[in-house]
Amino acid sequence: MTGERRPLAARPLTEPHPSRLPADHPDRERILAAHAAALEAGEAGYLDPGSGLFVLTAGFLARRGTCCGRGCRHCPYVDD
C-alpha cells in the first residue's frame, strides 16, 4: 500500500479499524477521546495517553491522500 492512492474506508474518521485499535484495548476510550479532540481542533495528531508517543489523526492521514503502509493506528484507508 505504500504511496498508493486509494479511496477512504467506509467508516467515520473517528473510528479506527479494529485491527489497529481493538475493542478490548485497555486505553481505547482515552485514545479515542484524544483522537476526537485532535480531529475537532484540526491538529495533525495527539499524544498517546499510554506511551506519550505522537500519533497522527485520521484527518491528517486522509488529507495526505495516500497510505504509507506503516500501520498507522488511525489509517483511514484500511478496510479489510
Protein backbone atom coordinates (compact mmCIF):
# COMPACT_ATOMS: atom_id res chain seq x y z
CA MET A 1 0.00 0.00 0.00
CA THR A 2 2.95 2.37 0.21
CA GLY A 3 2.22 5.66 -1.54
CA GLU A 4 -0.78 4.13 -3.25
CA ARG A 5 -3.82 6.32 -3.90
CA ARG A 6 -6.85 4.54 -2.51
CA PRO A 7 -10.38 5.51 -1.54
CA LEU A 8 -11.07 6.15 2.12
CA ALA A 9 -12.56 3.24 4.04
CA ALA A 10 -16.33 3.23 4.52
CA ARG A 11 -16.26 4.24 8.19
CA PRO A 12 -16.10 7.55 10.06
CA LEU A 13 -12.66 9.08 10.57
CA THR A 14 -13.36 8.86 14.30
CA GLU A 15 -13.45 5.05 14.22
CA PRO A 16 -10.15 3.20 13.68
CA HIS A 17 -10.11 -0.22 12.02
CA PRO A 18 -10.40 -2.97 14.68
CA SER A 19 -7.06 -4.43 13.60
CA ARG A 20 -5.38 -1.12 14.51
CA LEU A 21 -7.20 -0.43 17.79
CA PRO A 22 -9.08 -3.47 19.11
CA ALA A 23 -12.28 -3.04 21.11
CA ASP A 24 -10.60 -4.61 24.15
CA HIS A 25 -7.54 -2.32 24.14
CA PRO A 26 -7.14 -1.10 27.76
CA ASP A 27 -6.70 2.56 26.73
CA ARG A 28 -9.23 2.56 23.89
CA GLU A 29 -11.60 5.14 25.40
CA ARG A 30 -8.77 7.54 26.30
CA ILE A 31 -7.20 7.09 22.86
CA LEU A 32 -10.49 7.74 21.07
CA ALA A 33 -11.12 10.84 23.21
CA ALA A 34 -7.64 12.24 22.47
CA HIS A 35 -8.08 11.46 18.76
CA ALA A 36 -11.52 13.10 18.63
CA ALA A 37 -10.21 16.24 20.35
CA ALA A 38 -7.30 16.48 17.91
CA LEU A 39 -9.64 15.94 14.93
CA GLU A 40 -12.01 18.65 16.16
CA ALA A 41 -9.13 21.08 16.67
CA GLY A 42 -7.74 20.31 13.20
CA GLU A 43 -4.45 19.13 14.69
CA ALA A 44 -2.17 16.65 12.92
CA GLY A 45 -2.06 14.33 15.90
CA TYR A 46 -2.15 13.79 19.64
CA LEU A 47 -0.01 12.29 22.38
CA ASP A 48 -0.89 8.67 23.09
CA PRO A 49 -2.21 8.53 26.67
CA GLY A 50 -0.26 5.36 27.47
CA SER A 51 3.09 5.79 25.74
CA GLY A 52 3.30 9.55 25.22
CA LEU A 53 4.20 9.00 21.56
CA PHE A 54 2.79 11.33 18.90
CA VAL A 55 0.04 9.62 16.86
CA LEU A 56 -1.28 11.04 13.57
CA THR A 57 -5.03 11.56 13.23
CA ALA A 58 -7.18 10.00 10.54
CA GLY A 59 -7.92 13.53 9.29
CA PHE A 60 -4.24 14.29 8.74
CA LEU A 61 -3.68 10.94 7.05
CA ALA A 62 -6.74 11.42 4.80
CA ARG A 63 -5.54 14.89 3.74
CA ARG A 64 -2.18 13.36 2.80
CA GLY A 65 -4.04 11.39 0.15
CA THR A 66 -2.12 8.11 0.24
CA CYS A 67 -1.41 5.22 2.57
CA CYS A 68 2.22 5.00 3.68
CA GLY A 69 1.93 1.31 4.60
CA ARG A 70 3.45 1.78 8.06
CA GLY A 71 0.46 0.51 10.06
CA CYS A 72 -0.80 3.83 11.40
CA ARG A 73 -3.37 3.41 14.18
CA HIS A 74 -5.90 5.73 12.55
CA CYS A 75 -5.21 4.91 8.88
CA PRO A 76 -8.37 5.94 7.03
CA TYR A 77 -7.58 3.62 4.10
CA VAL A 78 -7.62 0.23 5.88
CA ASP A 79 -10.88 -1.54 5.18
CA ASP A 80 -10.14 -5.26 5.01
